[in-house]
Each structure stands twice: as structure tokens, then as C-alpha cells.
Amino acid sequence: MMIKKYFAIFILLLLLTGQVVLAGESKIIKAVEITGNSYTNTKKIKKVLETKTGQEYSENELNKDIENIFDMNSFKDVMVDVSDFEDGVKVTFIVVEKYLIKRLDFKGNREFSNKAIEDKIGSAENNSFDRKQMIDDVDIITDIYKKKGYSDVLVEPFTDFDDEGKSVTLTFFITEGNKIKVGKINLIGVRSFKTDRILGQLEIEKGRLFKPEEMEEEIKKIEIFYKNGGFVNFRLGETLVTYNKEKTKVFITIFLYEGISYKIGKTEFKGNSKFSTEELKKCLRFNTGDVFSELDLTMSLALMQEKYAGEGYIKASIVPEYGLDDEKGIAEVGS
């Protein structure tokens, strides 16, 4: 680990000069100093330290303090100097600060003001520059644009460091692109329903802003619709997304396989000694002849689980099994 590596190297150097506190010696810390900081307040750094004046010297606490200073996210390097001082020791933390963000700017943004973007991102003027945070900010800016329909937005960060190596100007160049709307949604493989009925399950519709991040969740609604309608073997296929030449409209094609719609046949229970079959049937949210529904089955299992838990069988295992008769379109359920 880099933190411990720096500390170990420094201890070795101190051993060579005879200044380090040897194991077994009990020394009192007479002074704690911070050097190398130009814009980070010394009191703020000392606030995170466990090493205090008047305490007994401890290498373990020094290691913790190095980590604590790094956790402030304001420094790219931290070292420690331990030297004899007034019948005790003086501990000096030598810090190397990260660049300070002198100026934060945005170029190309028309949909959102600078302040609106600044309020969303983690980087800020007069804060330490963090490259990981800058990359995260690119994702944040991209996300707020995509939620507004700019699914083709491009965000590029640029850094300009001063000659003294202490500050940086951070600029985000934004190419907004066009707002993209849904042109048409095509469903391939639909045989049992009118297309409009299935599309009615979705919030994505012609003329609305296209939001790619919502696509997966929206398409999942089609699967839920079918599986609650008896289509046990329903599968979603590939989804194709294409754009018009101007990239102002998107066309979505969803491939699906319906399979067969099943109805409930007979229902059986096995291994039930605590409750009779008739008692357990009262928990069922379906009857013979009903369309097989995954939602009804899930609710029925939850009610049976609750019934067993009420009698102290908290870990009762209820596993549904069902046999499918494709010719008759019947699903026989057992547990």
C-alpha cells in the first residue's frame, strides 16, 4: 500500500541518521507540526490527527494519521518526520497538496445554465482537483442531458494547470446534439393481442423524448404483461434502435416470442403435514380454469409462507412445480 510504503522508507532514513524513536523507548510528543500546505488550513488537518502534543509517541497512530490525511482528499502525498525535541520528539507531517480548482467553466451548454450544472457535480471552485471526480462529473452531466432527451450528448473535460503547479482551470466542453423523440415502436412476433394493447403497457410512445436509460425497464413491462397472461414460456428477443438522418427521431423494433397461453388445471400439495390441502387452498389467488399468472402464483406463495410463519415455521420451504400440457394449454401446479 502506497501510504505504508512512504512511511517505511522514511523510517529507514531516520534509522540511518539516528533520529528515530527506537522500539521500547517511551517518548512524549512535545510538538506536532504541519508543513507543505499553502491553501489547506493547518487547524483543519490537525483536527483529523490522533497524534497530539503531550501524548506518548506511537507509530501505529502515525500510520493512522497518514491515512486520515489522505482521506481528506486534498493531498497527493503525505510523509512524516520524527525528530528529538525538548527531551521528547517533534512530529512533522509533510504534505503535498493536490491542485486547487481556480476556475470551473462550461462551454456549449444551452439547455442548462452553468449554475444548474455546478449544483449537480462534485467538482467546485476552490476545492481540490480530483481526476476521478472529474470523470464522475462527465457521467453526471451526460446523465442530466439524457434525461432531457439529449441521448447523443458528448461531454469532454479539459484541464489547464498553472506554471507553478498549484492550481488548475477545469472546463467541460458540452456538445448537446439534438433532442431525440420516439418516431415509432415496432413489435415483431405478436399474434395473440392487438399491438396497441401491448404498447399501452409502456410509457415510451411516439412523440415522447427518447431516454435510453429507461428502455430496459420499459421493455420488461411487456414480459410481465405476457407472463401474467398465461404465457409461461414468453421470451424477449433482440431490440433494435435506429435513427433518422438528422438524428432527431428514434425507431425501436422489439422482437418477441409469445409461446402458448396456459390455464390452471388441477392444483396439488405434497409434504404438507401441518396444514391440510383444503387449508392451503384458501391461500391460492387462482382457481382451476383461470389464466396462469406469475403474479397470482407469487402472491399465493407469500400467503402460504405467512401462514406457516404464523405457526413458527419461519424457514418452511414452499417450492412450486408445474407441468405444462401444450396440446390442452393447461398448467398443473404442485408444491
Protein backbone atom coordinates (compact mmCIF):
# COMPACT_ATOMS: atom_id res chain seq x y z
CA MET A 1 0.00 0.00 0.00
CA MET A 2 1.47 3.38 -1.00
CA ILE A 3 0.79 5.05 2.36
CA LYS A 4 2.72 2.44 4.32
CA LYS A 5 5.44 2.34 1.69
CA TYR A 6 6.20 6.05 2.18
CA PHE A 7 6.21 5.65 5.94
CA ALA A 8 8.55 2.60 5.84
CA ILE A 9 11.04 4.41 3.59
CA PHE A 10 11.06 7.42 5.91
CA ILE A 11 11.63 5.25 8.99
CA LEU A 12 14.62 3.65 7.24
CA LEU A 13 16.12 7.07 6.52
CA LEU A 14 15.63 8.13 10.11
CA LEU A 15 17.33 4.96 11.34
CA LEU A 16 20.37 5.84 9.26
CA THR A 17 20.55 9.30 10.87
CA GLY A 18 19.88 8.04 14.39
CA GLN A 19 16.87 10.29 14.87
CA VAL A 20 14.07 7.73 15.02
CA VAL A 21 12.47 6.63 18.29
CA LEU A 22 13.68 3.07 18.89
CA ALA A 23 11.30 0.26 19.86
CA GLY A 24 10.90 0.02 23.61
CA GLU A 25 11.67 3.68 24.21
CA SER A 26 8.89 5.75 25.70
CA LYS A 27 8.96 9.28 24.34
CA ILE A 28 6.48 12.08 24.82
CA ILE A 29 5.36 14.13 21.83
CA LYS A 30 6.42 17.71 22.53
CA ALA A 31 5.25 19.27 19.25
CA VAL A 32 3.12 18.44 16.19
CA GLU A 33 3.68 20.50 13.05
CA ILE A 34 2.26 20.57 9.53
CA THR A 35 4.33 21.76 6.57
CA GLY A 36 3.78 21.99 2.83
CA ASN A 37 0.18 23.22 2.94
CA SER A 38 -0.50 26.54 1.27
CA TYR A 39 -4.30 26.65 0.96
CA THR A 40 -5.47 23.86 3.31
CA ASN A 41 -5.94 25.24 6.83
CA THR A 42 -3.49 23.75 9.36
CA LYS A 43 -6.20 23.50 12.03
CA LYS A 44 -8.35 21.50 9.61
CA ILE A 45 -5.51 18.99 9.12
CA LYS A 46 -4.72 18.72 12.84
CA LYS A 47 -8.39 18.03 13.52
CA VAL A 48 -8.12 14.60 11.83
CA LEU A 49 -4.94 13.60 13.70
CA GLU A 50 -4.79 11.15 16.58
CA THR A 51 -1.23 12.26 17.34
CA LYS A 52 -1.41 15.07 19.92
CA THR A 53 1.11 17.09 21.92
CA GLY A 54 1.63 15.57 25.39
CA GLN A 55 0.79 12.04 24.31
CA GLU A 56 3.17 9.09 24.19
CA TYR A 57 4.74 8.57 20.78
CA SER A 58 3.06 5.75 18.77
CA GLU A 59 3.99 4.53 15.29
CA ASN A 60 0.54 2.92 14.95
CA GLU A 61 -1.12 6.28 15.46
CA LEU A 62 1.22 7.87 12.91
CA ASN A 63 0.17 5.29 10.32
CA LYS A 64 -3.48 6.00 11.07
CA ASP A 65 -2.86 9.74 10.80
CA ILE A 66 -1.26 9.38 7.37
CA GLU A 67 -4.39 7.54 6.20
CA ASN A 68 -6.62 10.15 7.84
CA ILE A 69 -4.85 12.96 6.00
CA PHE A 70 -5.13 11.11 2.68
CA ASP A 71 -8.85 10.60 3.39
CA MET A 72 -9.27 14.39 3.37
CA ASN A 73 -8.88 14.08 -0.41
CA SER A 74 -6.77 17.26 -0.52
CA PHE A 75 -3.29 15.75 -0.77
CA LYS A 76 -1.40 13.66 -3.29
CA ASP A 77 1.47 12.82 -0.90
CA VAL A 78 1.97 12.65 2.88
CA MET A 79 5.22 11.95 4.76
CA VAL A 80 6.30 12.12 8.40
CA ASP A 81 9.46 13.44 10.09
CA VAL A 82 10.08 12.34 13.70
CA SER A 83 12.98 14.09 15.46
CA ASP A 84 14.32 14.63 19.01
CA PHE A 85 12.89 17.76 20.59
CA GLU A 86 12.99 19.10 24.19
CA ASP A 87 13.53 15.69 25.87
CA GLY A 88 10.83 14.20 23.67
CA VAL A 89 10.03 14.17 19.98
CA LYS A 90 8.58 16.51 17.42
CA VAL A 91 6.29 15.01 14.76
CA THR A 92 6.13 16.89 11.47
CA PHE A 93 3.61 15.93 8.80
CA ILE A 94 4.91 16.95 5.37
CA VAL A 95 2.04 17.22 2.90
CA VAL A 96 1.91 17.80 -0.84
CA GLU A 97 -1.39 19.35 -1.82
CA LYS A 98 -3.44 18.45 -4.86
CA TYR A 99 -4.08 21.17 -7.41
CA LEU A 100 -6.69 23.72 -6.39
CA ILE A 101 -9.52 24.32 -8.84
CA LYS A 102 -9.04 28.02 -9.54
CA ARG A 103 -11.81 28.21 -12.13
CA LEU A 104 -14.64 25.90 -13.20
CA ASP A 105 -16.19 26.56 -16.59
CA PHE A 106 -18.62 25.07 -19.10
CA LYS A 107 -18.72 25.56 -22.86
CA GLY A 108 -21.50 24.71 -25.32
CA ASN A 109 -24.30 24.34 -22.77
CA ARG A 110 -27.59 25.93 -23.84
CA GLU A 111 -30.17 23.70 -22.17
CA PHE A 112 -28.71 24.15 -18.67
CA SER A 113 -27.06 27.16 -17.05
CA ASN A 114 -23.58 26.93 -15.53
CA LYS A 115 -25.05 27.09 -12.04
CA ALA A 116 -27.55 24.31 -12.75
CA ILE A 117 -24.68 22.02 -13.76
CA GLU A 118 -22.40 23.15 -10.90
CA ASP A 119 -25.12 22.23 -8.40
CA LYS A 120 -25.14 18.65 -9.70
CA ILE A 121 -21.42 17.81 -9.98
CA GLY A 122 -18.78 17.16 -7.31
CA SER A 123 -16.00 19.41 -8.62
CA ALA A 124 -16.14 23.02 -7.40
CA GLU A 125 -14.03 26.16 -7.44
CA ASN A 126 -11.57 26.44 -4.51
CA ASN A 127 -11.81 22.69 -3.92
CA SER A 128 -9.01 20.21 -4.54
CA PHE A 129 -8.82 18.82 -8.05
CA ASP A 130 -9.62 15.12 -8.19
CA ARG A 131 -9.26 13.33 -11.52
CA LYS A 132 -11.67 10.55 -10.56
CA GLN A 133 -14.27 13.13 -9.55
CA MET A 134 -13.79 14.86 -12.90
CA ILE A 135 -14.58 11.59 -14.71
CA ASP A 136 -17.61 11.05 -12.46
CA ASP A 137 -18.76 14.58 -13.31
CA VAL A 138 -18.67 13.75 -17.02
CA ASP A 139 -21.11 10.91 -16.31
CA ILE A 140 -23.31 13.17 -14.15
CA ILE A 141 -23.52 15.89 -16.83
CA THR A 142 -24.20 13.29 -19.52
CA ASP A 143 -26.98 11.80 -17.41
CA ILE A 144 -28.83 15.07 -16.79
CA TYR A 145 -28.77 15.80 -20.52
CA LYS A 146 -30.03 12.33 -21.44
CA LYS A 147 -32.93 12.73 -19.02
CA LYS A 148 -33.89 15.81 -21.05
CA GLY A 149 -33.87 13.84 -24.29
CA TYR A 150 -30.31 14.64 -25.46
CA SER A 151 -29.33 10.98 -25.83
CA ASP A 152 -26.50 11.88 -28.23
CA VAL A 153 -24.80 14.38 -25.88
CA LEU A 154 -20.99 14.42 -25.67
CA VAL A 155 -19.13 15.81 -22.62
CA GLU A 156 -15.34 16.29 -22.69
CA PRO A 157 -13.23 17.63 -19.77
CA PHE A 158 -10.14 19.82 -20.27
CA THR A 159 -7.56 20.81 -17.64
CA ASP A 160 -5.19 23.79 -17.76
CA PHE A 161 -2.56 23.70 -14.99
CA ASP A 162 -0.70 26.85 -13.97
CA ASP A 163 3.08 27.14 -14.26
CA GLU A 164 3.60 26.94 -10.50
CA GLY A 165 1.80 23.61 -10.33
CA LYS A 166 -0.65 24.72 -7.63
CA SER A 167 -3.93 25.43 -9.41
CA VAL A 168 -5.95 24.28 -12.41
CA THR A 169 -8.75 25.59 -14.61
CA LEU A 170 -11.27 22.82 -15.28
CA THR A 171 -13.51 23.21 -18.33
CA PHE A 172 -16.26 20.86 -19.51
CA PHE A 173 -16.94 21.11 -23.25
CA ILE A 174 -20.51 20.02 -23.98
CA THR A 175 -21.86 19.07 -27.41
CA GLU A 176 -25.56 18.86 -26.72
CA GLY A 177 -26.71 17.45 -30.06
CA ASN A 178 -30.43 17.23 -30.78
CA LYS A 179 -33.34 16.32 -28.58
CA ILE A 180 -34.37 12.90 -29.83
CA LYS A 181 -38.01 11.82 -29.87
CA VAL A 182 -39.54 8.42 -30.41
CA GLY A 183 -40.61 8.07 -34.04
CA LYS A 184 -42.20 4.61 -33.99
CA ILE A 185 -42.20 1.38 -31.99
CA ASN A 186 -42.50 -1.90 -33.91
CA LEU A 187 -43.33 -5.22 -32.24
CA ILE A 188 -42.31 -8.35 -34.16
CA GLY A 189 -43.83 -11.70 -33.13
CA VAL A 190 -47.16 -10.54 -31.71
CA ARG A 191 -50.04 -12.92 -32.54
CA SER A 192 -52.37 -13.04 -29.56
CA PHE A 193 -53.06 -9.34 -28.94
CA LYS A 194 -53.51 -6.13 -30.82
CA THR A 195 -50.21 -4.23 -30.89
CA ASP A 196 -51.80 -1.15 -29.33
CA ARG A 197 -52.78 -3.14 -26.24
CA ILE A 198 -49.17 -4.13 -25.64
CA LEU A 199 -47.81 -0.67 -26.38
CA GLY A 200 -50.33 0.67 -23.88
CA GLN A 201 -48.29 -1.01 -21.14
CA LEU A 202 -45.34 1.28 -21.92
CA GLU A 203 -44.59 4.89 -21.07
CA ILE A 204 -42.37 5.08 -24.16
CA GLU A 205 -44.59 6.21 -27.01
CA LYS A 206 -44.44 8.03 -30.32
CA GLY A 207 -43.60 11.70 -29.92
CA ARG A 208 -42.12 11.41 -26.43
CA LEU A 209 -38.50 12.18 -25.61
CA PHE A 210 -36.24 9.17 -26.02
CA LYS A 211 -34.48 8.21 -22.77
CA PRO A 212 -32.16 5.23 -23.35
CA GLU A 213 -31.69 4.58 -19.63
CA GLU A 214 -35.42 3.75 -19.33
CA MET A 215 -35.52 1.29 -22.24
CA GLU A 216 -34.69 -1.91 -20.36
CA GLU A 217 -37.24 -1.28 -17.61
CA GLU A 218 -39.94 -0.35 -20.13
CA ILE A 219 -39.40 -3.43 -22.29
CA LYS A 220 -39.55 -5.60 -19.16
CA LYS A 221 -43.18 -4.48 -18.80
CA ILE A 222 -44.00 -6.42 -21.97
CA GLU A 223 -42.63 -9.61 -20.40
CA ILE A 224 -44.65 -9.04 -17.22
CA PHE A 225 -47.81 -8.44 -19.29
CA TYR A 226 -47.41 -11.74 -21.12
CA LYS A 227 -46.39 -13.85 -18.12
CA ASN A 228 -49.38 -12.62 -16.14
CA GLY A 229 -51.49 -13.59 -19.14
CA GLY A 230 -50.58 -17.27 -19.12
CA PHE A 231 -47.59 -17.14 -21.50
CA VAL A 232 -45.21 -19.12 -19.29
CA ASN A 233 -42.54 -19.57 -21.98
CA PHE A 234 -42.62 -15.99 -23.26
CA ARG A 235 -39.21 -14.62 -24.27
CA LEU A 236 -37.95 -11.22 -25.33
CA GLY A 237 -35.62 -11.20 -28.30
CA GLU A 238 -33.34 -8.52 -29.65
CA THR A 239 -34.22 -4.83 -29.54
CA LEU A 240 -33.05 -2.69 -32.46
CA VAL A 241 -32.69 1.08 -32.16
CA THR A 242 -32.17 3.17 -35.32
CA TYR A 243 -32.19 6.93 -36.01
CA ASN A 244 -33.28 9.15 -38.86
CA LYS A 245 -30.63 11.03 -40.85
CA GLU A 246 -30.94 14.21 -38.75
CA LYS A 247 -30.81 12.18 -35.51
CA THR A 248 -33.97 13.81 -34.21
CA LYS A 249 -36.10 10.65 -34.19
CA VAL A 250 -35.51 7.12 -33.00
CA PHE A 251 -37.20 3.96 -34.26
CA ILE A 252 -37.46 1.00 -31.88
CA THR A 253 -38.06 -2.58 -33.03
CA ILE A 254 -38.72 -5.23 -30.37
CA PHE A 255 -38.62 -8.93 -31.27
CA LEU A 256 -40.52 -11.35 -29.04
CA TYR A 257 -41.67 -14.97 -28.80
CA GLU A 258 -45.11 -15.47 -27.26
CA GLY A 259 -45.35 -19.23 -26.88
CA ILE A 260 -48.61 -20.76 -25.63
CA SER A 261 -51.07 -19.26 -23.14
CA TYR A 262 -51.84 -21.71 -20.35
CA LYS A 263 -54.78 -22.01 -17.98
CA ILE A 264 -54.73 -23.53 -14.50
CA GLY A 265 -55.51 -27.26 -14.35
CA LYS A 266 -55.55 -29.12 -11.06
CA THR A 267 -53.51 -27.94 -8.06
CA GLU A 268 -51.84 -30.40 -5.68
CA PHE A 269 -49.80 -30.14 -2.46
CA LYS A 270 -47.12 -32.58 -1.28
CA GLY A 271 -45.28 -32.77 2.04
CA ASN A 272 -47.87 -30.71 3.92
CA SER A 273 -48.41 -32.23 7.37
CA LYS A 274 -49.07 -29.09 9.42
CA PHE A 275 -51.93 -27.85 7.23
CA SER A 276 -54.42 -29.80 5.15
CA THR A 277 -54.74 -29.33 1.41
CA GLU A 278 -58.06 -27.54 1.89
CA GLU A 279 -56.48 -25.11 4.37
CA LEU A 280 -53.64 -24.32 1.97
CA LYS A 281 -56.02 -23.88 -0.98
CA LYS A 282 -57.53 -20.92 0.85
CA CYS A 283 -54.20 -19.13 0.27
CA LEU A 284 -54.44 -19.52 -3.50
CA ARG A 285 -55.21 -16.46 -5.61
CA PHE A 286 -56.29 -18.57 -8.59
CA ASN A 287 -58.77 -21.31 -9.40
CA THR A 288 -58.97 -24.12 -11.93
CA GLY A 289 -59.68 -22.64 -15.35
CA ASP A 290 -58.08 -19.25 -14.61
CA VAL A 291 -55.31 -17.94 -16.85
CA PHE A 292 -51.95 -18.87 -15.33
CA SER A 293 -50.39 -15.73 -13.81
CA GLU A 294 -46.92 -15.41 -12.29
CA LEU A 295 -48.20 -12.56 -10.12
CA ASP A 296 -51.05 -14.69 -8.69
CA LEU A 297 -48.63 -17.55 -8.06
CA THR A 298 -46.17 -15.25 -6.25
CA MET A 299 -48.94 -13.82 -4.05
CA SER A 300 -50.22 -17.31 -3.24
CA LEU A 301 -46.75 -18.49 -2.17
CA ALA A 302 -46.34 -15.41 0.03
CA LEU A 303 -49.67 -16.12 1.79
CA MET A 304 -48.70 -19.76 2.41
CA GLN A 305 -45.29 -18.68 3.72
CA GLU A 306 -47.02 -16.24 6.07
CA LYS A 307 -49.40 -18.98 7.25
CA TYR A 308 -46.52 -21.30 8.14
CA ALA A 309 -44.51 -18.49 9.78
CA GLY A 310 -47.52 -17.72 12.00
CA GLU A 311 -47.18 -21.23 13.44
CA GLY A 312 -43.43 -20.86 13.99
CA TYR A 313 -42.29 -22.48 10.71
CA ILE A 314 -40.21 -19.46 9.65
CA LYS A 315 -37.92 -21.47 7.39
CA ALA A 316 -40.63 -23.52 5.71
CA SER A 317 -39.70 -24.21 2.09
CA ILE A 318 -42.53 -23.96 -0.44
CA VAL A 319 -41.33 -24.75 -3.95
CA PRO A 320 -43.85 -24.57 -6.81
CA GLU A 321 -43.70 -27.08 -9.62
CA TYR A 322 -45.93 -27.10 -12.65
CA GLY A 323 -46.37 -29.38 -15.60
CA LEU A 324 -47.37 -27.92 -18.95
CA ASP A 325 -49.69 -29.63 -21.41
CA ASP A 326 -49.12 -27.83 -24.73
CA GLU A 327 -51.96 -29.59 -26.53
CA LYS A 328 -54.61 -28.65 -23.95
CA GLY A 329 -52.93 -25.40 -22.89
CA ILE A 330 -53.10 -26.50 -19.25
CA ALA A 331 -50.64 -25.83 -16.40
CA GLU A 332 -50.93 -28.23 -13.44
CA VAL A 333 -49.48 -26.66 -10.30
CA GLY A 334 -47.94 -28.52 -7.35
CA SER A 335 -45.88 -27.62 -4.30
